[in-house]
């Protein structure tokens, strides 16, 4: 083999090596990412739940305040001057977002050493759930039942209950 043939063979191998399959790579010039932080949800009482003024009879009874308003009196309890109103709460948060509320199962109202139980809490919401408006607000009304014992001692009874709102 001549010297010229050897150079031609080496050149052919080098040409194949340079034009063979090679991995191709590309760099992205930018990627994107995003996040949304929702407005915190909150609830604030604007009107307190009131069972009004009632008289206790010789038998136990109840006062039930409906979330839509109005009261019914049962057993030995009679209305004595009205004043029964449901509670109202202002819920604020992210616009057009679903939310739910939950409440205590019962609460106690006291006057000195005397007490009464409040239970059967109910809201004006279907299944205690709703959707905030386009302004990010909603009103939740709460009613409940006051259980009055027979010959319940007179007095101004007060207490609290917990209501929680969640997205």
N, C-alpha and C. Protein backbone atom coordinates (compact mmCIF):
# COMPACT_ATOMS: atom_id res chain seq x y z
N UNK A 1 0.85 -1.14 0.00
CA UNK A 1 0.00 0.00 0.00
C UNK A 1 0.91 1.22 0.00
N UNK A 2 0.49 2.16 -0.73
CA UNK A 2 1.34 3.32 -0.87
C UNK A 2 1.03 4.35 0.20
N UNK A 3 1.90 5.27 0.29
CA UNK A 3 1.76 6.33 1.27
C UNK A 3 0.50 7.14 0.99
N UNK A 4 0.12 7.40 -0.23
CA UNK A 4 -1.05 8.16 -0.62
C UNK A 4 -2.33 7.43 -0.20
N UNK A 5 -2.34 6.12 -0.30
CA UNK A 5 -3.51 5.33 0.07
C UNK A 5 -3.73 5.38 1.57
N UNK A 6 -2.65 5.35 2.34
CA UNK A 6 -2.79 5.42 3.79
C UNK A 6 -3.40 6.75 4.22
N UNK A 7 -2.98 7.84 3.63
CA UNK A 7 -3.51 9.14 3.97
C UNK A 7 -4.99 9.20 3.58
N UNK A 8 -5.36 8.65 2.45
CA UNK A 8 -6.75 8.66 2.02
C UNK A 8 -7.61 7.83 2.96
N UNK A 9 -7.12 6.70 3.45
CA UNK A 9 -7.89 5.85 4.38
C UNK A 9 -8.08 6.57 5.71
N UNK A 10 -7.07 7.23 6.20
CA UNK A 10 -7.17 7.97 7.46
C UNK A 10 -8.14 9.14 7.29
N UNK A 11 -8.12 9.80 6.20
CA UNK A 11 -9.02 10.92 5.93
C UNK A 11 -10.46 10.43 5.86
N UNK A 12 -10.70 9.26 5.29
CA UNK A 12 -12.06 8.70 5.19
C UNK A 12 -12.61 8.37 6.57
N UNK A 13 -11.76 7.77 7.43
CA UNK A 13 -12.20 7.45 8.80
C UNK A 13 -12.50 8.74 9.56
N UNK A 14 -11.70 9.74 9.42
CA UNK A 14 -11.92 11.02 10.11
C UNK A 14 -13.20 11.68 9.61
N UNK A 15 -13.49 11.58 8.35
CA UNK A 15 -14.71 12.18 7.80
C UNK A 15 -15.95 11.47 8.34
N UNK A 16 -15.88 10.14 8.47
CA UNK A 16 -17.01 9.39 9.02
C UNK A 16 -17.21 9.76 10.48
N UNK A 17 -16.14 9.89 11.25
CA UNK A 17 -16.24 10.23 12.66
C UNK A 17 -16.85 11.62 12.85
N UNK A 18 -16.53 12.55 11.96
CA UNK A 18 -17.05 13.91 12.09
C UNK A 18 -18.51 14.01 11.66
N UNK A 19 -18.95 13.17 10.73
CA UNK A 19 -20.31 13.27 10.23
C UNK A 19 -21.22 12.19 10.81
N UNK A 20 -20.77 11.36 11.71
CA UNK A 20 -21.60 10.32 12.33
C UNK A 20 -22.66 10.92 13.24
N UNK A 21 -23.49 10.09 13.82
CA UNK A 21 -24.57 10.59 14.68
C UNK A 21 -23.97 11.15 15.96
N UNK A 22 -24.36 12.34 16.26
CA UNK A 22 -23.94 13.00 17.48
C UNK A 22 -25.20 13.47 18.22
N UNK A 23 -25.17 13.49 19.56
CA UNK A 23 -26.30 13.99 20.35
C UNK A 23 -26.42 15.49 20.14
N UNK A 24 -27.68 15.93 19.98
CA UNK A 24 -27.92 17.36 19.81
C UNK A 24 -28.46 17.91 21.12
N UNK A 25 -28.10 19.06 21.55
CA UNK A 25 -28.57 19.67 22.79
C UNK A 25 -29.05 21.07 22.49
N UNK A 26 -30.05 21.52 23.31
CA UNK A 26 -30.54 22.88 23.18
C UNK A 26 -30.79 23.43 24.57
N UNK A 27 -30.61 24.67 24.74
CA UNK A 27 -30.86 25.33 26.02
C UNK A 27 -32.12 26.17 25.91
N UNK A 28 -32.98 26.06 26.93
CA UNK A 28 -34.15 26.93 27.00
C UNK A 28 -33.69 28.30 27.48
N UNK A 29 -34.24 29.31 26.88
CA UNK A 29 -33.83 30.64 27.29
C UNK A 29 -34.62 31.11 28.50
N UNK A 30 -35.86 30.53 28.76
CA UNK A 30 -36.61 30.89 29.95
C UNK A 30 -37.69 29.84 30.21
N UNK A 31 -38.05 29.66 31.46
CA UNK A 31 -39.16 28.80 31.88
C UNK A 31 -40.13 29.67 32.65
N UNK A 32 -41.34 29.19 32.86
CA UNK A 32 -42.30 30.00 33.59
C UNK A 32 -42.77 29.27 34.84
N UNK A 33 -43.18 30.02 35.83
CA UNK A 33 -43.72 29.50 37.08
C UNK A 33 -44.72 30.52 37.60
N UNK A 34 -45.71 30.04 38.37
CA UNK A 34 -46.68 30.98 38.92
C UNK A 34 -47.23 30.46 40.25
N UNK A 35 -47.83 31.33 41.00
CA UNK A 35 -48.48 30.99 42.27
C UNK A 35 -49.56 32.02 42.54
N UNK A 36 -50.61 31.58 43.22
CA UNK A 36 -51.67 32.49 43.64
C UNK A 36 -51.87 32.32 45.13
N UNK A 37 -51.85 33.40 45.85
CA UNK A 37 -52.10 33.37 47.28
C UNK A 37 -53.54 33.84 47.49
N UNK A 38 -54.38 32.96 48.03
CA UNK A 38 -55.78 33.31 48.25
C UNK A 38 -55.92 34.25 49.44
N UNK A 39 -56.90 35.09 49.37
CA UNK A 39 -57.20 35.96 50.52
C UNK A 39 -57.58 35.08 51.70
N UNK A 40 -57.13 35.42 52.89
CA UNK A 40 -57.53 34.62 54.06
C UNK A 40 -59.03 34.75 54.29
N UNK A 41 -59.65 33.69 54.75
CA UNK A 41 -61.08 33.73 55.03
C UNK A 41 -61.27 34.10 56.50
N UNK A 42 -62.30 34.91 56.76
CA UNK A 42 -62.57 35.33 58.13
C UNK A 42 -64.07 35.42 58.35
N UNK A 43 -64.46 35.42 59.61
CA UNK A 43 -65.87 35.55 59.98
C UNK A 43 -65.96 36.48 61.18
N UNK A 44 -66.96 37.38 61.13
CA UNK A 44 -67.13 38.35 62.20
C UNK A 44 -68.61 38.51 62.50
N UNK A 45 -68.97 38.44 63.78
CA UNK A 45 -70.37 38.61 64.17
C UNK A 45 -70.79 40.06 64.00
N UNK A 46 -71.95 40.26 63.34
CA UNK A 46 -72.50 41.60 63.20
C UNK A 46 -73.76 41.78 64.05
N UNK A 47 -74.45 40.67 64.37
CA UNK A 47 -75.63 40.68 65.24
C UNK A 47 -75.57 39.44 66.11
N UNK A 48 -75.77 39.60 67.40
CA UNK A 48 -75.74 38.46 68.31
C UNK A 48 -77.07 37.69 68.32
N UNK A 49 -76.99 36.40 68.59
CA UNK A 49 -78.17 35.55 68.71
C UNK A 49 -78.91 35.91 70.00
N UNK A 50 -80.20 36.21 69.89
CA UNK A 50 -80.99 36.58 71.06
C UNK A 50 -82.27 35.76 71.09
N UNK A 51 -82.55 35.18 72.25
CA UNK A 51 -83.79 34.44 72.44
C UNK A 51 -84.89 35.34 73.00
N UNK A 52 -84.59 36.60 73.20
CA UNK A 52 -85.56 37.57 73.65
C UNK A 52 -85.93 37.41 75.11
N UNK A 53 -87.03 38.01 75.49
CA UNK A 53 -87.54 37.93 76.86
C UNK A 53 -88.65 36.89 76.91
N UNK A 54 -88.52 35.93 77.82
CA UNK A 54 -89.51 34.85 77.96
C UNK A 54 -89.81 34.63 79.43
N UNK A 55 -90.91 33.95 79.67
CA UNK A 55 -91.22 33.51 81.04
C UNK A 55 -91.15 32.00 81.09
N UNK A 56 -90.68 31.49 82.21
CA UNK A 56 -90.60 30.04 82.42
C UNK A 56 -91.84 29.60 83.18
N UNK A 57 -92.42 28.49 82.75
CA UNK A 57 -93.60 27.97 83.41
C UNK A 57 -93.28 26.84 84.37
N UNK A 58 -94.30 26.13 84.77
CA UNK A 58 -94.12 25.01 85.70
C UNK A 58 -93.65 23.75 84.98
N UNK A 59 -93.62 23.81 83.65
CA UNK A 59 -93.04 22.71 82.86
C UNK A 59 -91.91 23.26 82.01
N UNK A 60 -90.97 22.41 81.66
CA UNK A 60 -89.84 22.80 80.82
C UNK A 60 -90.35 23.19 79.43
N UNK A 61 -89.57 23.98 78.73
CA UNK A 61 -89.95 24.39 77.39
C UNK A 61 -88.76 24.83 76.58
N UNK A 62 -89.04 25.33 75.40
CA UNK A 62 -87.98 25.76 74.49
C UNK A 62 -88.34 27.06 73.79
N UNK A 63 -87.30 27.74 73.34
CA UNK A 63 -87.44 28.87 72.42
C UNK A 63 -86.54 28.53 71.25
N UNK A 64 -87.11 28.46 70.05
CA UNK A 64 -86.32 28.18 68.86
C UNK A 64 -86.33 29.40 67.95
N UNK A 65 -85.14 29.92 67.68
CA UNK A 65 -84.97 31.04 66.76
C UNK A 65 -84.52 30.47 65.42
N UNK A 66 -85.28 30.77 64.38
CA UNK A 66 -84.94 30.29 63.03
C UNK A 66 -83.86 31.17 62.41
N UNK A 67 -82.97 30.59 61.59
CA UNK A 67 -81.94 31.40 60.93
C UNK A 67 -82.53 32.51 60.05
N UNK A 68 -83.71 32.29 59.51
CA UNK A 68 -84.36 33.30 58.66
C UNK A 68 -85.10 34.35 59.48
N UNK A 69 -85.16 34.16 60.78
CA UNK A 69 -85.89 35.08 61.65
C UNK A 69 -87.15 34.44 62.18
N UNK A 70 -87.67 34.99 63.24
CA UNK A 70 -88.86 34.45 63.87
C UNK A 70 -88.49 33.44 64.95
N UNK A 71 -89.42 33.29 65.91
CA UNK A 71 -89.18 32.37 67.02
C UNK A 71 -90.44 31.58 67.30
N UNK A 72 -90.26 30.36 67.79
CA UNK A 72 -91.37 29.53 68.26
C UNK A 72 -91.11 29.18 69.72
N UNK A 73 -92.19 29.09 70.47
CA UNK A 73 -92.12 28.86 71.91
C UNK A 73 -92.87 27.57 72.20
N UNK A 74 -92.25 26.68 72.96
CA UNK A 74 -92.89 25.41 73.26
C UNK A 74 -92.85 25.08 74.73
N UNK A 75 -93.73 24.16 75.13
CA UNK A 75 -93.76 23.73 76.53
C UNK A 75 -94.24 24.86 77.42
N UNK A 76 -93.58 25.01 78.56
CA UNK A 76 -93.98 26.02 79.54
C UNK A 76 -93.40 27.39 79.30
N UNK A 77 -92.80 27.64 78.16
CA UNK A 77 -92.18 28.93 77.87
C UNK A 77 -93.13 29.80 77.06
N UNK A 78 -93.25 31.06 77.45
CA UNK A 78 -94.06 32.01 76.67
C UNK A 78 -93.25 33.25 76.36
N UNK A 79 -93.60 33.89 75.26
CA UNK A 79 -92.96 35.12 74.82
C UNK A 79 -93.35 36.24 75.79
N UNK A 80 -92.36 37.00 76.21
CA UNK A 80 -92.61 38.11 77.14
C UNK A 80 -91.90 39.35 76.62
N UNK A 81 -92.37 39.88 75.53
CA UNK A 81 -91.79 41.13 75.02
C UNK A 81 -90.93 40.97 73.78
N UNK A 82 -90.81 39.77 73.24
CA UNK A 82 -90.09 39.60 71.97
C UNK A 82 -88.59 39.79 72.09
N UNK A 83 -88.02 40.24 71.00
CA UNK A 83 -86.58 40.48 70.96
C UNK A 83 -85.77 39.29 70.45
N UNK A 84 -86.45 38.22 70.00
CA UNK A 84 -85.73 37.05 69.49
C UNK A 84 -85.25 37.32 68.07
N UNK A 85 -83.94 37.22 67.83
CA UNK A 85 -83.35 37.42 66.50
C UNK A 85 -82.21 36.44 66.28
N UNK A 86 -82.05 36.00 65.04
CA UNK A 86 -80.90 35.14 64.75
C UNK A 86 -79.61 35.94 64.75
N UNK A 87 -78.51 35.25 64.91
CA UNK A 87 -77.20 35.88 64.79
C UNK A 87 -76.91 36.11 63.31
N UNK A 88 -76.09 37.11 63.03
CA UNK A 88 -75.63 37.37 61.66
C UNK A 88 -74.12 37.50 61.69
N UNK A 89 -73.48 36.85 60.72
CA UNK A 89 -72.02 36.89 60.61
C UNK A 89 -71.64 37.32 59.20
N UNK A 90 -70.60 38.14 59.09
CA UNK A 90 -70.04 38.55 57.81
C UNK A 90 -68.82 37.68 57.52
N UNK A 91 -68.86 36.96 56.41
CA UNK A 91 -67.74 36.13 55.97
C UNK A 91 -67.03 36.88 54.85
N UNK A 92 -65.71 36.99 54.92
CA UNK A 92 -64.94 37.63 53.85
C UNK A 92 -63.79 36.72 53.43
N UNK A 93 -63.45 36.79 52.14
CA UNK A 93 -62.36 35.96 51.62
C UNK A 93 -62.22 36.12 50.12
N UNK A 94 -61.73 35.08 49.47
CA UNK A 94 -61.47 35.10 48.03
C UNK A 94 -62.79 35.13 47.26
N UNK A 95 -62.87 35.97 46.24
CA UNK A 95 -64.10 36.13 45.47
C UNK A 95 -64.53 34.82 44.82
N UNK A 96 -65.85 34.62 44.77
CA UNK A 96 -66.48 33.47 44.11
C UNK A 96 -65.92 32.12 44.57
N UNK A 97 -65.59 32.01 45.84
CA UNK A 97 -64.98 30.79 46.37
C UNK A 97 -65.94 30.10 47.33
N UNK A 98 -66.01 28.78 47.25
CA UNK A 98 -66.86 27.99 48.14
C UNK A 98 -66.28 27.99 49.56
N UNK A 99 -67.18 27.96 50.54
CA UNK A 99 -66.77 27.91 51.94
C UNK A 99 -67.78 27.07 52.71
N UNK A 100 -67.40 26.70 53.93
CA UNK A 100 -68.32 25.98 54.81
C UNK A 100 -68.16 26.50 56.23
N UNK A 101 -69.21 26.32 57.03
CA UNK A 101 -69.15 26.72 58.44
C UNK A 101 -69.51 25.53 59.31
N UNK A 102 -68.96 25.54 60.52
CA UNK A 102 -69.31 24.54 61.52
C UNK A 102 -69.44 25.25 62.86
N UNK A 103 -70.26 24.67 63.74
CA UNK A 103 -70.52 25.28 65.03
C UNK A 103 -70.48 24.23 66.13
N UNK A 104 -70.40 24.72 67.37
CA UNK A 104 -70.50 23.83 68.52
C UNK A 104 -71.83 23.08 68.47
N UNK A 105 -71.88 21.91 69.08
CA UNK A 105 -73.14 21.18 69.18
C UNK A 105 -74.05 21.78 70.24
N UNK A 106 -73.44 22.39 71.25
CA UNK A 106 -74.23 23.03 72.30
C UNK A 106 -73.40 24.11 72.98
N UNK A 107 -74.12 24.96 73.72
CA UNK A 107 -73.48 26.03 74.49
C UNK A 107 -74.29 26.22 75.76
N UNK A 108 -73.71 26.92 76.71
CA UNK A 108 -74.38 27.17 77.99
C UNK A 108 -74.53 28.67 78.21
N UNK A 109 -75.74 29.08 78.57
CA UNK A 109 -75.98 30.45 78.99
C UNK A 109 -76.09 30.44 80.51
N UNK A 110 -75.45 31.40 81.17
CA UNK A 110 -75.46 31.43 82.64
C UNK A 110 -75.92 32.79 83.15
N UNK A 111 -76.48 32.74 84.35
CA UNK A 111 -76.83 33.93 85.12
C UNK A 111 -76.51 33.59 86.56
N UNK A 112 -75.38 34.06 87.03
CA UNK A 112 -74.92 33.66 88.37
C UNK A 112 -74.67 32.16 88.40
N UNK A 113 -75.33 31.44 89.31
CA UNK A 113 -75.14 29.98 89.41
C UNK A 113 -76.14 29.22 88.55
N UNK A 114 -77.07 29.92 87.90
CA UNK A 114 -78.10 29.27 87.08
C UNK A 114 -77.64 29.18 85.63
N UNK A 115 -78.13 28.14 84.94
CA UNK A 115 -77.73 27.98 83.55
C UNK A 115 -78.84 27.35 82.71
N UNK A 116 -78.70 27.52 81.39
CA UNK A 116 -79.58 26.90 80.39
C UNK A 116 -78.71 26.45 79.23
N UNK A 117 -79.17 25.44 78.51
CA UNK A 117 -78.43 24.90 77.38
C UNK A 117 -79.02 25.40 76.06
N UNK A 118 -78.14 25.72 75.13
CA UNK A 118 -78.52 26.07 73.76
C UNK A 118 -77.99 24.96 72.87
N UNK A 119 -78.84 24.46 71.97
CA UNK A 119 -78.40 23.42 71.04
C UNK A 119 -79.14 23.55 69.71
N UNK A 120 -78.99 22.57 68.86
CA UNK A 120 -79.62 22.54 67.53
C UNK A 120 -79.31 23.80 66.74
N UNK A 121 -78.04 24.19 66.71
CA UNK A 121 -77.62 25.34 65.91
C UNK A 121 -77.89 25.06 64.44
N UNK A 122 -78.36 26.07 63.72
CA UNK A 122 -78.64 25.92 62.29
C UNK A 122 -78.28 27.22 61.57
N UNK A 123 -77.93 27.12 60.29
CA UNK A 123 -77.60 28.30 59.49
C UNK A 123 -78.60 28.44 58.35
N UNK A 124 -78.52 29.58 57.67
CA UNK A 124 -79.33 29.82 56.48
C UNK A 124 -78.71 29.20 55.23
N UNK A 125 -77.62 28.45 55.38
CA UNK A 125 -76.92 27.84 54.24
C UNK A 125 -77.39 26.41 54.03
N UNK A 126 -77.39 25.95 52.79
CA UNK A 126 -77.68 24.56 52.50
C UNK A 126 -76.49 23.71 52.90
N UNK A 127 -76.70 22.76 53.80
CA UNK A 127 -75.62 21.89 54.30
C UNK A 127 -74.45 22.69 54.88
N UNK A 128 -74.74 23.87 55.43
CA UNK A 128 -73.73 24.73 56.05
C UNK A 128 -72.60 25.10 55.09
N UNK A 129 -72.92 25.24 53.80
CA UNK A 129 -71.92 25.61 52.80
C UNK A 129 -72.49 26.68 51.87
N UNK A 130 -71.61 27.51 51.36
CA UNK A 130 -72.02 28.56 50.44
C UNK A 130 -70.87 28.99 49.56
N UNK A 131 -71.08 30.05 48.78
CA UNK A 131 -70.06 30.60 47.91
C UNK A 131 -69.98 32.10 48.14
N UNK A 132 -68.77 32.59 48.33
CA UNK A 132 -68.58 34.02 48.49
C UNK A 132 -68.95 34.74 47.21
N UNK A 133 -69.43 35.97 47.33
CA UNK A 133 -69.88 36.75 46.19
C UNK A 133 -68.70 37.26 45.36
N UNK A 134 -69.03 38.00 44.31
CA UNK A 134 -68.01 38.63 43.46
C UNK A 134 -67.22 39.69 44.21
N UNK A 135 -67.72 40.11 45.37
CA UNK A 135 -66.97 41.05 46.21
C UNK A 135 -66.23 40.32 47.34
N UNK A 136 -66.35 38.99 47.39
CA UNK A 136 -65.65 38.21 48.41
C UNK A 136 -66.33 38.23 49.76
N UNK A 137 -67.66 38.42 49.79
CA UNK A 137 -68.38 38.47 51.06
C UNK A 137 -69.61 37.57 51.03
N UNK A 138 -70.11 37.24 52.21
CA UNK A 138 -71.37 36.52 52.38
C UNK A 138 -71.87 36.76 53.79
N UNK A 139 -73.17 36.64 53.98
CA UNK A 139 -73.77 36.74 55.31
C UNK A 139 -74.28 35.37 55.71
N UNK A 140 -73.93 34.95 56.92
CA UNK A 140 -74.41 33.69 57.48
C UNK A 140 -75.27 34.02 58.68
N UNK A 141 -76.51 33.55 58.68
CA UNK A 141 -77.41 33.72 59.82
C UNK A 141 -77.45 32.42 60.61
N UNK A 142 -77.51 32.54 61.93
CA UNK A 142 -77.50 31.37 62.81
C UNK A 142 -78.68 31.44 63.77
N UNK A 143 -79.42 30.35 63.84
CA UNK A 143 -80.48 30.19 64.82
C UNK A 143 -80.15 29.00 65.71
N UNK A 144 -80.94 28.79 66.76
CA UNK A 144 -80.70 27.68 67.68
C UNK A 144 -81.91 27.52 68.59
N UNK A 145 -81.84 26.52 69.46
CA UNK A 145 -82.90 26.27 70.43
C UNK A 145 -82.37 26.45 71.85
N UNK A 146 -83.12 27.23 72.63
CA UNK A 146 -82.81 27.44 74.05
C UNK A 146 -83.71 26.50 74.85
N UNK A 147 -83.11 25.72 75.73
CA UNK A 147 -83.84 24.78 76.57
C UNK A 147 -84.01 25.39 77.96
N UNK A 148 -85.27 25.68 78.31
CA UNK A 148 -85.60 26.35 79.57
C UNK A 148 -86.20 25.32 80.53
N UNK A 149 -85.63 25.24 81.72
CA UNK A 149 -86.12 24.29 82.73
C UNK A 149 -87.44 24.79 83.33
N UNK A 150 -88.18 23.88 83.90
CA UNK A 150 -89.38 24.27 84.63
C UNK A 150 -88.97 25.20 85.77
N UNK A 151 -89.73 26.28 85.93
CA UNK A 151 -89.45 27.27 86.97
C UNK A 151 -88.02 27.81 86.92
N UNK A 152 -87.48 27.97 85.72
CA UNK A 152 -86.12 28.52 85.54
C UNK A 152 -86.03 29.85 86.27
N UNK A 153 -85.02 30.04 87.12
CA UNK A 153 -84.88 31.31 87.86
C UNK A 153 -84.73 32.50 86.91
N UNK A 154 -85.32 33.62 87.28
CA UNK A 154 -85.22 34.86 86.49
C UNK A 154 -83.78 35.35 86.48
N UNK A 155 -83.41 36.05 85.42
CA UNK A 155 -82.07 36.63 85.32
C UNK A 155 -81.71 36.91 83.88
N UNK A 156 -80.61 37.63 83.70
CA UNK A 156 -80.06 37.89 82.36
C UNK A 156 -79.00 36.82 82.09
N UNK A 157 -79.28 35.93 81.17
CA UNK A 157 -78.39 34.81 80.86
C UNK A 157 -77.55 35.13 79.63
N UNK A 158 -76.26 34.86 79.71
CA UNK A 158 -75.36 35.11 78.59
C UNK A 158 -74.40 33.94 78.43
N UNK A 159 -73.82 33.85 77.25
CA UNK A 159 -72.83 32.82 76.97
C UNK A 159 -72.27 33.00 75.57
N UNK A 160 -71.42 32.09 75.18
CA UNK A 160 -70.81 32.14 73.85
C UNK A 160 -70.85 30.76 73.21
N UNK A 161 -70.65 30.73 71.91
CA UNK A 161 -70.50 29.49 71.16
C UNK A 161 -69.47 29.74 70.07
N UNK A 162 -68.92 28.69 69.55
CA UNK A 162 -67.89 28.81 68.51
C UNK A 162 -68.48 28.53 67.15
N UNK A 163 -68.08 29.35 66.17
CA UNK A 163 -68.42 29.14 64.77
C UNK A 163 -67.13 29.27 63.98
N UNK A 164 -66.92 28.34 63.06
CA UNK A 164 -65.67 28.29 62.28
C UNK A 164 -66.01 28.30 60.80
N UNK A 165 -65.25 29.04 60.02
CA UNK A 165 -65.43 29.09 58.57
C UNK A 165 -64.16 28.60 57.91
N UNK A 166 -64.33 27.80 56.84
CA UNK A 166 -63.19 27.25 56.10
C UNK A 166 -63.46 27.29 54.60
N UNK A 167 -62.37 27.38 53.82
CA UNK A 167 -62.50 27.21 52.36
C UNK A 167 -62.71 25.75 52.10
